[in-house]
Amino acid sequence: MTKKLLTHFNAAGDAHMVDVGNKNFTYRVAITEGFIHLQPATLALILTGEHKKGDVLGIARIAGIMASKHTADLIPLCHPLPLTHVEIILTPELENQRIRCQTTAKTHGQTGVEMEALTATQITLLTIYDMCKAVDRGMVIDGVRLLEKSGGKSGHWHADNVI
């Protein structure tokens, strides 16, 4: 097995921003997911639109998209990217008392969009938490992960179905 090195450290072991200047521009896509578990009554408030703060899922979706555009401001060694598309799909899963967030981020650039997709997913779920914490402080966010990425030198990658 080939030893893989952490790219955000130079030969001296100092943290640095990876130089992507010589990398080719390619079409890059990342898909992530995460979940927020809620009490049945909280989920019902969201789905019926009766939450006093308004459209919880719509506001969370906008927050996630906005967050994806600020990823480089939040993650110290992350490159700022010109995103070409960010899509956030929120799917209620009544049988599991949760909402699934799936984010797809796209760009044409020299580095991947995994961090933008992961940031969008996390902030989307945190916004749901923030909007609902007055009625349900026991919500749990979990399962945030990269599902798939494509583009760049490393090519296509897809997560196994087992965590």
N, C-alpha and C. Protein backbone atom coordinates (compact mmCIF):
# COMPACT_ATOMS: atom_id res chain seq x y z
N MET A 1 0.84 -1.18 0.00
CA MET A 1 0.00 0.00 0.00
C MET A 1 0.89 1.24 0.00
N THR A 2 0.60 2.17 -0.88
CA THR A 2 1.36 3.40 -0.98
C THR A 2 0.96 4.35 0.14
N LYS A 3 1.96 4.91 0.78
CA LYS A 3 1.69 5.85 1.86
C LYS A 3 1.22 7.18 1.25
N LYS A 4 0.05 7.65 1.68
CA LYS A 4 -0.46 8.93 1.21
C LYS A 4 -0.09 10.00 2.22
N LEU A 5 0.35 11.13 1.70
CA LEU A 5 0.75 12.23 2.55
C LEU A 5 -0.38 13.24 2.66
N LEU A 6 -0.45 13.91 3.78
CA LEU A 6 -1.41 14.99 3.94
C LEU A 6 -0.91 16.18 3.14
N THR A 7 -1.74 16.69 2.24
CA THR A 7 -1.29 17.71 1.30
C THR A 7 -1.19 19.11 1.89
N HIS A 8 -1.79 19.34 3.04
CA HIS A 8 -1.77 20.68 3.62
C HIS A 8 -0.57 20.92 4.53
N PHE A 9 0.44 20.05 4.43
CA PHE A 9 1.69 20.23 5.17
C PHE A 9 2.84 20.16 4.19
N ASN A 10 3.80 21.07 4.34
CA ASN A 10 4.96 21.06 3.46
C ASN A 10 6.00 20.07 4.00
N ALA A 11 7.16 19.99 3.35
CA ALA A 11 8.21 19.03 3.73
C ALA A 11 8.70 19.25 5.15
N ALA A 12 8.61 20.49 5.65
CA ALA A 12 9.05 20.80 7.01
C ALA A 12 7.96 20.53 8.04
N GLY A 13 6.77 20.13 7.57
CA GLY A 13 5.67 19.85 8.48
C GLY A 13 4.82 21.07 8.82
N ASP A 14 5.06 22.19 8.12
CA ASP A 14 4.29 23.40 8.36
C ASP A 14 3.01 23.38 7.53
N ALA A 15 1.93 23.88 8.11
CA ALA A 15 0.68 23.99 7.37
C ALA A 15 0.83 25.02 6.26
N HIS A 16 0.27 24.70 5.10
CA HIS A 16 0.33 25.63 3.97
C HIS A 16 -0.86 25.38 3.04
N MET A 17 -1.15 26.37 2.21
CA MET A 17 -2.19 26.22 1.21
C MET A 17 -1.57 25.51 0.01
N VAL A 18 -2.20 24.46 -0.46
CA VAL A 18 -1.69 23.68 -1.58
C VAL A 18 -1.66 24.56 -2.83
N ASP A 19 -0.57 24.49 -3.58
CA ASP A 19 -0.45 25.24 -4.83
C ASP A 19 -1.15 24.46 -5.92
N VAL A 20 -2.27 24.99 -6.42
CA VAL A 20 -3.02 24.33 -7.48
C VAL A 20 -2.81 25.03 -8.82
N GLY A 21 -1.86 25.97 -8.87
CA GLY A 21 -1.64 26.78 -10.06
C GLY A 21 -1.33 26.01 -11.33
N ASN A 22 -0.69 24.87 -11.21
CA ASN A 22 -0.32 24.07 -12.39
C ASN A 22 -1.33 22.96 -12.70
N LYS A 23 -2.38 22.87 -11.90
CA LYS A 23 -3.38 21.83 -12.14
C LYS A 23 -4.31 22.26 -13.28
N ASN A 24 -4.82 21.28 -14.00
CA ASN A 24 -5.75 21.55 -15.09
C ASN A 24 -7.12 21.95 -14.56
N PHE A 25 -7.79 22.81 -15.31
CA PHE A 25 -9.18 23.13 -15.02
C PHE A 25 -10.03 21.96 -15.52
N THR A 26 -10.83 21.40 -14.63
CA THR A 26 -11.74 20.33 -15.02
C THR A 26 -13.09 20.58 -14.38
N TYR A 27 -14.10 19.93 -14.93
CA TYR A 27 -15.44 20.00 -14.38
C TYR A 27 -15.47 19.12 -13.14
N ARG A 28 -15.86 19.68 -12.01
CA ARG A 28 -15.81 18.97 -10.74
C ARG A 28 -17.17 18.99 -10.05
N VAL A 29 -17.53 17.86 -9.47
CA VAL A 29 -18.81 17.71 -8.79
C VAL A 29 -18.57 16.98 -7.47
N ALA A 30 -19.27 17.41 -6.42
CA ALA A 30 -19.25 16.70 -5.14
C ALA A 30 -20.69 16.58 -4.65
N ILE A 31 -21.02 15.42 -4.11
CA ILE A 31 -22.35 15.17 -3.55
C ILE A 31 -22.16 14.70 -2.11
N THR A 32 -22.86 15.36 -1.20
CA THR A 32 -22.76 15.02 0.23
C THR A 32 -24.15 14.77 0.80
N GLU A 33 -24.17 14.20 1.99
CA GLU A 33 -25.44 14.02 2.69
C GLU A 33 -25.24 14.18 4.17
N GLY A 34 -26.35 14.41 4.88
CA GLY A 34 -26.37 14.48 6.33
C GLY A 34 -27.81 14.43 6.78
N PHE A 35 -28.01 14.22 8.06
CA PHE A 35 -29.35 14.04 8.61
C PHE A 35 -29.54 14.85 9.88
N ILE A 36 -30.77 15.26 10.12
CA ILE A 36 -31.14 15.82 11.41
C ILE A 36 -32.35 15.04 11.91
N HIS A 37 -32.20 14.49 13.11
CA HIS A 37 -33.27 13.71 13.75
C HIS A 37 -34.06 14.65 14.65
N LEU A 38 -35.40 14.56 14.56
CA LEU A 38 -36.27 15.46 15.31
C LEU A 38 -37.39 14.69 15.99
N GLN A 39 -38.01 15.32 16.96
CA GLN A 39 -39.21 14.76 17.57
C GLN A 39 -40.32 14.76 16.52
N PRO A 40 -41.24 13.79 16.57
CA PRO A 40 -42.33 13.75 15.58
C PRO A 40 -43.12 15.06 15.51
N ALA A 41 -43.36 15.69 16.66
CA ALA A 41 -44.12 16.95 16.66
C ALA A 41 -43.36 18.06 15.96
N THR A 42 -42.03 18.08 16.11
CA THR A 42 -41.21 19.09 15.45
C THR A 42 -41.24 18.88 13.95
N LEU A 43 -41.09 17.65 13.53
CA LEU A 43 -41.14 17.34 12.11
C LEU A 43 -42.50 17.72 11.52
N ALA A 44 -43.55 17.45 12.26
CA ALA A 44 -44.90 17.82 11.81
C ALA A 44 -45.05 19.33 11.65
N LEU A 45 -44.52 20.10 12.61
CA LEU A 45 -44.56 21.56 12.50
C LEU A 45 -43.90 22.04 11.21
N ILE A 46 -42.76 21.46 10.90
CA ILE A 46 -42.02 21.85 9.70
C ILE A 46 -42.81 21.50 8.45
N LEU A 47 -43.31 20.28 8.40
CA LEU A 47 -43.96 19.78 7.19
C LEU A 47 -45.33 20.40 6.93
N THR A 48 -46.02 20.79 7.99
CA THR A 48 -47.34 21.42 7.80
C THR A 48 -47.23 22.92 7.60
N GLY A 49 -46.03 23.46 7.78
CA GLY A 49 -45.84 24.90 7.61
C GLY A 49 -46.37 25.71 8.78
N GLU A 50 -46.59 25.05 9.91
CA GLU A 50 -47.15 25.73 11.06
C GLU A 50 -46.10 26.27 12.03
N HIS A 51 -44.84 26.12 11.69
CA HIS A 51 -43.78 26.65 12.55
C HIS A 51 -43.86 28.17 12.53
N LYS A 52 -43.84 28.80 13.70
CA LYS A 52 -44.03 30.25 13.77
C LYS A 52 -42.90 31.04 13.11
N LYS A 53 -41.75 30.40 12.86
CA LYS A 53 -40.65 31.10 12.20
C LYS A 53 -40.75 31.04 10.68
N GLY A 54 -41.75 30.34 10.16
CA GLY A 54 -41.94 30.31 8.72
C GLY A 54 -41.45 29.04 8.06
N ASP A 55 -41.04 29.17 6.80
CA ASP A 55 -40.62 28.06 5.96
C ASP A 55 -39.23 27.58 6.37
N VAL A 56 -39.18 26.66 7.31
CA VAL A 56 -37.92 26.18 7.87
C VAL A 56 -37.01 25.59 6.78
N LEU A 57 -37.55 24.74 5.95
CA LEU A 57 -36.73 24.08 4.94
C LEU A 57 -36.25 25.05 3.87
N GLY A 58 -37.10 25.98 3.48
CA GLY A 58 -36.70 26.98 2.48
C GLY A 58 -35.58 27.88 3.00
N ILE A 59 -35.71 28.31 4.23
CA ILE A 59 -34.68 29.17 4.82
C ILE A 59 -33.38 28.39 5.01
N ALA A 60 -33.48 27.15 5.44
CA ALA A 60 -32.29 26.31 5.63
C ALA A 60 -31.57 26.08 4.30
N ARG A 61 -32.34 25.86 3.23
CA ARG A 61 -31.76 25.65 1.91
C ARG A 61 -30.96 26.89 1.47
N ILE A 62 -31.54 28.07 1.64
CA ILE A 62 -30.85 29.31 1.28
C ILE A 62 -29.59 29.49 2.13
N ALA A 63 -29.68 29.20 3.42
CA ALA A 63 -28.51 29.31 4.30
C ALA A 63 -27.38 28.39 3.83
N GLY A 64 -27.72 27.17 3.43
CA GLY A 64 -26.71 26.23 2.95
C GLY A 64 -26.04 26.70 1.67
N ILE A 65 -26.83 27.24 0.75
CA ILE A 65 -26.27 27.75 -0.50
C ILE A 65 -25.34 28.92 -0.20
N MET A 66 -25.78 29.82 0.66
CA MET A 66 -24.94 30.96 1.03
C MET A 66 -23.64 30.50 1.68
N ALA A 67 -23.74 29.52 2.56
CA ALA A 67 -22.55 29.01 3.25
C ALA A 67 -21.55 28.40 2.28
N SER A 68 -22.05 27.69 1.26
CA SER A 68 -21.14 27.07 0.30
C SER A 68 -20.25 28.11 -0.37
N LYS A 69 -20.79 29.31 -0.58
CA LYS A 69 -20.04 30.38 -1.23
C LYS A 69 -19.02 31.03 -0.31
N HIS A 70 -19.08 30.71 0.98
CA HIS A 70 -18.15 31.28 1.96
C HIS A 70 -17.22 30.25 2.58
N THR A 71 -17.13 29.08 1.97
CA THR A 71 -16.32 28.00 2.54
C THR A 71 -14.88 28.42 2.78
N ALA A 72 -14.27 29.10 1.82
CA ALA A 72 -12.86 29.51 1.97
C ALA A 72 -12.67 30.50 3.12
N ASP A 73 -13.73 31.20 3.51
CA ASP A 73 -13.65 32.11 4.65
C ASP A 73 -13.70 31.35 5.98
N LEU A 74 -14.21 30.14 5.94
CA LEU A 74 -14.41 29.34 7.16
C LEU A 74 -13.33 28.29 7.38
N ILE A 75 -12.83 27.71 6.29
CA ILE A 75 -11.84 26.64 6.36
C ILE A 75 -10.49 27.27 5.96
N PRO A 76 -9.55 27.39 6.88
CA PRO A 76 -8.35 28.21 6.66
C PRO A 76 -7.55 27.93 5.40
N LEU A 77 -7.37 26.69 4.99
CA LEU A 77 -6.51 26.39 3.86
C LEU A 77 -7.28 26.02 2.59
N CYS A 78 -8.57 26.31 2.60
CA CYS A 78 -9.44 26.00 1.47
C CYS A 78 -9.35 27.12 0.43
N HIS A 79 -9.27 26.74 -0.85
CA HIS A 79 -9.22 27.73 -1.92
C HIS A 79 -10.61 28.30 -2.20
N PRO A 80 -10.70 29.60 -2.47
CA PRO A 80 -11.99 30.15 -2.91
C PRO A 80 -12.29 29.65 -4.32
N LEU A 81 -13.52 29.19 -4.53
CA LEU A 81 -13.89 28.61 -5.82
C LEU A 81 -15.06 29.34 -6.44
N PRO A 82 -15.05 29.45 -7.77
CA PRO A 82 -16.21 29.99 -8.47
C PRO A 82 -17.24 28.87 -8.68
N LEU A 83 -18.17 28.76 -7.78
CA LEU A 83 -19.19 27.71 -7.90
C LEU A 83 -20.09 27.99 -9.09
N THR A 84 -20.39 26.94 -9.83
CA THR A 84 -21.30 27.09 -10.97
C THR A 84 -22.70 26.61 -10.64
N HIS A 85 -22.83 25.81 -9.58
CA HIS A 85 -24.15 25.31 -9.19
C HIS A 85 -24.08 24.71 -7.79
N VAL A 86 -25.09 24.98 -6.99
CA VAL A 86 -25.27 24.32 -5.70
C VAL A 86 -26.74 23.97 -5.58
N GLU A 87 -27.01 22.69 -5.34
CA GLU A 87 -28.38 22.24 -5.17
C GLU A 87 -28.49 21.52 -3.84
N ILE A 88 -29.51 21.88 -3.07
CA ILE A 88 -29.76 21.24 -1.78
C ILE A 88 -31.15 20.64 -1.80
N ILE A 89 -31.22 19.33 -1.58
CA ILE A 89 -32.49 18.62 -1.55
C ILE A 89 -32.74 18.17 -0.12
N LEU A 90 -33.86 18.59 0.43
CA LEU A 90 -34.24 18.21 1.79
C LEU A 90 -35.42 17.24 1.70
N THR A 91 -35.19 16.04 2.22
CA THR A 91 -36.19 14.98 2.13
C THR A 91 -36.61 14.51 3.52
N PRO A 92 -37.85 14.77 3.91
CA PRO A 92 -38.32 14.23 5.19
C PRO A 92 -38.41 12.71 5.12
N GLU A 93 -37.93 12.05 6.16
CA GLU A 93 -38.02 10.60 6.28
C GLU A 93 -38.83 10.32 7.55
N LEU A 94 -40.15 10.26 7.38
CA LEU A 94 -41.05 10.13 8.52
C LEU A 94 -40.79 8.87 9.33
N GLU A 95 -40.46 7.77 8.65
CA GLU A 95 -40.24 6.51 9.35
C GLU A 95 -39.03 6.56 10.27
N ASN A 96 -38.09 7.46 9.99
CA ASN A 96 -36.88 7.60 10.81
C ASN A 96 -36.88 8.88 11.64
N GLN A 97 -37.96 9.66 11.56
CA GLN A 97 -38.08 10.92 12.30
C GLN A 97 -36.88 11.83 12.03
N ARG A 98 -36.57 12.00 10.74
CA ARG A 98 -35.43 12.82 10.38
C ARG A 98 -35.65 13.48 9.03
N ILE A 99 -34.77 14.42 8.74
CA ILE A 99 -34.73 15.06 7.43
C ILE A 99 -33.35 14.79 6.85
N ARG A 100 -33.34 14.33 5.62
CA ARG A 100 -32.08 14.07 4.91
C ARG A 100 -31.75 15.29 4.07
N CYS A 101 -30.51 15.73 4.15
CA CYS A 101 -30.02 16.82 3.33
C CYS A 101 -29.01 16.25 2.35
N GLN A 102 -29.25 16.45 1.07
CA GLN A 102 -28.28 16.06 0.05
C GLN A 102 -27.88 17.31 -0.72
N THR A 103 -26.58 17.55 -0.79
CA THR A 103 -26.06 18.72 -1.49
C THR A 103 -25.21 18.28 -2.67
N THR A 104 -25.41 18.95 -3.79
CA THR A 104 -24.55 18.79 -4.96
C THR A 104 -23.92 20.14 -5.25
N ALA A 105 -22.60 20.16 -5.32
CA ALA A 105 -21.86 21.39 -5.66
C ALA A 105 -21.05 21.12 -6.91
N LYS A 106 -20.99 22.15 -7.79
CA LYS A 106 -20.27 22.00 -9.06
C LYS A 106 -19.41 23.23 -9.32
N THR A 107 -18.31 22.99 -10.03
CA THR A 107 -17.44 24.07 -10.49
C THR A 107 -16.64 23.59 -11.68
N HIS A 108 -16.01 24.51 -12.34
CA HIS A 108 -15.01 24.20 -13.36
C HIS A 108 -13.74 24.85 -12.85
N GLY A 109 -12.87 24.06 -12.26
CA GLY A 109 -11.72 24.66 -11.59
C GLY A 109 -10.55 23.73 -11.44
N GLN A 110 -9.62 24.17 -10.58
CA GLN A 110 -8.37 23.45 -10.39
C GLN A 110 -8.34 22.63 -9.10
N THR A 111 -9.40 22.70 -8.34
CA THR A 111 -9.48 21.90 -7.11
C THR A 111 -10.95 21.54 -6.87
N GLY A 112 -11.16 20.51 -6.06
CA GLY A 112 -12.50 19.95 -5.87
C GLY A 112 -13.43 20.79 -5.03
N VAL A 113 -14.71 20.40 -5.05
CA VAL A 113 -15.76 21.14 -4.34
C VAL A 113 -16.34 20.35 -3.16
N GLU A 114 -15.57 19.37 -2.66
CA GLU A 114 -16.07 18.58 -1.53
C GLU A 114 -16.34 19.45 -0.31
N MET A 115 -15.44 20.35 -0.01
CA MET A 115 -15.60 21.18 1.19
C MET A 115 -16.81 22.10 1.07
N GLU A 116 -17.08 22.61 -0.13
CA GLU A 116 -18.24 23.47 -0.33
C GLU A 116 -19.53 22.69 -0.13
N ALA A 117 -19.58 21.48 -0.63
CA ALA A 117 -20.77 20.65 -0.46
C ALA A 117 -20.96 20.25 1.00
N LEU A 118 -19.87 19.88 1.67
CA LEU A 118 -19.96 19.51 3.09
C LEU A 118 -20.37 20.71 3.95
N THR A 119 -19.82 21.87 3.65
CA THR A 119 -20.19 23.08 4.40
C THR A 119 -21.66 23.39 4.21
N ALA A 120 -22.13 23.30 2.98
CA ALA A 120 -23.55 23.57 2.71
C ALA A 120 -24.45 22.61 3.48
N THR A 121 -24.09 21.34 3.48
CA THR A 121 -24.90 20.35 4.21
C THR A 121 -24.93 20.66 5.70
N GLN A 122 -23.77 20.93 6.28
CA GLN A 122 -23.72 21.21 7.72
C GLN A 122 -24.53 22.46 8.08
N ILE A 123 -24.37 23.53 7.32
CA ILE A 123 -25.07 24.77 7.66
C ILE A 123 -26.57 24.64 7.42
N THR A 124 -26.96 23.89 6.41
CA THR A 124 -28.39 23.63 6.20
C THR A 124 -28.98 22.95 7.43
N LEU A 125 -28.31 21.91 7.90
CA LEU A 125 -28.81 21.18 9.07
C LEU A 125 -28.76 22.03 10.33
N LEU A 126 -27.70 22.81 10.50
CA LEU A 126 -27.61 23.70 11.66
C LEU A 126 -28.70 24.77 11.64
N THR A 127 -29.08 25.22 10.47
CA THR A 127 -30.16 26.21 10.37
C THR A 127 -31.48 25.60 10.79
N ILE A 128 -31.73 24.36 10.39
CA ILE A 128 -32.95 23.68 10.86
C ILE A 128 -32.92 23.59 12.38
N TYR A 129 -31.77 23.22 12.93
CA TYR A 129 -31.64 23.14 14.39
C TYR A 129 -31.95 24.50 15.02
N ASP A 130 -31.33 25.53 14.49
CA ASP A 130 -31.51 26.87 15.05
C ASP A 130 -32.98 27.30 15.03
N MET A 131 -33.64 27.03 13.94
CA MET A 131 -35.04 27.46 13.80
C MET A 131 -35.99 26.65 14.68
N CYS A 132 -35.58 25.45 15.08
CA CYS A 132 -36.48 24.57 15.83
C CYS A 132 -36.07 24.34 17.28
N LYS A 133 -34.96 24.93 17.71
CA LYS A 133 -34.45 24.62 19.05
C LYS A 133 -35.39 25.04 20.17
N ALA A 134 -36.25 26.00 19.93
CA ALA A 134 -37.19 26.43 20.98
C ALA A 134 -38.22 25.34 21.30
N VAL A 135 -38.49 24.46 20.33
CA VAL A 135 -39.48 23.41 20.56
C VAL A 135 -38.86 22.02 20.67
N ASP A 136 -37.57 21.88 20.32
CA ASP A 136 -36.94 20.56 20.33
C ASP A 136 -35.43 20.70 20.49
N ARG A 137 -34.96 20.70 21.73
CA ARG A 137 -33.52 20.85 21.97
C ARG A 137 -32.76 19.53 21.83
N GLY A 138 -33.48 18.43 21.65
CA GLY A 138 -32.84 17.13 21.55
C GLY A 138 -32.53 16.68 20.13
N MET A 139 -32.62 17.58 19.16
CA MET A 139 -32.31 17.20 17.79
C MET A 139 -30.86 16.74 17.68
N VAL A 140 -30.62 15.82 16.76
CA VAL A 140 -29.28 15.28 16.55
C VAL A 140 -28.93 15.38 15.07
N ILE A 141 -27.78 15.95 14.80
CA ILE A 141 -27.24 16.00 13.43
C ILE A 141 -26.19 14.90 13.33
N ASP A 142 -26.31 14.08 12.28
CA ASP A 142 -25.31 13.02 12.10
C ASP A 142 -25.20 12.60 10.65
N GLY A 143 -24.28 11.70 10.41
CA GLY A 143 -24.14 11.07 9.10
C GLY A 143 -23.67 11.99 7.99
N VAL A 144 -23.04 13.11 8.33
CA VAL A 144 -22.56 14.02 7.30
C VAL A 144 -21.34 13.40 6.65
N ARG A 145 -21.42 13.24 5.31
CA ARG A 145 -20.32 12.58 4.61
C ARG A 145 -20.35 12.88 3.12
N LEU A 146 -19.22 12.65 2.51
CA LEU A 146 -19.10 12.74 1.06
C LEU A 146 -19.65 11.45 0.46
N LEU A 147 -20.58 11.59 -0.48
CA LEU A 147 -21.12 10.42 -1.17
C LEU A 147 -20.40 10.14 -2.48
N GLU A 148 -20.04 11.22 -3.18
CA GLU A 148 -19.45 11.05 -4.49
C GLU A 148 -18.71 12.30 -4.91
N LYS A 149 -17.64 12.12 -5.66
CA LYS A 149 -16.92 13.25 -6.25
C LYS A 149 -16.40 12.83 -7.61
N SER A 150 -16.29 13.83 -8.49
CA SER A 150 -15.72 13.55 -9.80
C SER A 150 -14.94 14.76 -10.27
N GLY A 151 -14.03 14.51 -11.21
CA GLY A 151 -13.21 15.56 -11.76
C GLY A 151 -11.82 15.55 -11.16
N GLY A 152 -10.92 16.22 -11.85
CA GLY A 152 -9.56 16.32 -11.35
C GLY A 152 -8.74 15.07 -11.63
N LYS A 153 -7.51 15.12 -11.15
CA LYS A 153 -6.54 14.06 -11.38
C LYS A 153 -6.97 12.73 -10.75
N SER A 154 -7.62 12.80 -9.60
CA SER A 154 -8.00 11.56 -8.91
C SER A 154 -9.26 10.93 -9.51
N GLY A 155 -9.96 11.65 -10.38
CA GLY A 155 -11.10 11.07 -11.08
C GLY A 155 -12.34 10.90 -10.23
N HIS A 156 -13.08 9.86 -10.52
CA HIS A 156 -14.37 9.61 -9.87
C HIS A 156 -14.20 8.77 -8.61
N TRP A 157 -14.92 9.15 -7.57
CA TRP A 157 -14.91 8.39 -6.31
C TRP A 157 -16.35 8.31 -5.82
N HIS A 158 -16.73 7.16 -5.31
CA HIS A 158 -18.06 6.92 -4.79
C HIS A 158 -17.94 6.21 -3.45
N ALA A 159 -18.69 6.66 -2.45
CA ALA A 159 -18.64 6.04 -1.12
C ALA A 159 -19.24 4.65 -1.15
N ASP A 160 -18.71 3.80 -0.32
CA ASP A 160 -19.35 2.49 -0.13
C ASP A 160 -20.66 2.73 0.60
N ASN A 161 -21.54 1.77 0.57
CA ASN A 161 -22.80 1.90 1.27
C ASN A 161 -22.67 1.64 2.75
N VAL A 162 -21.48 1.30 3.20
CA VAL A 162 -21.23 1.03 4.61
C VAL A 162 -20.39 2.16 5.18
N ILE A 163 -20.82 2.69 6.32
CA ILE A 163 -20.03 3.73 7.00
C ILE A 163 -19.08 3.07 7.95
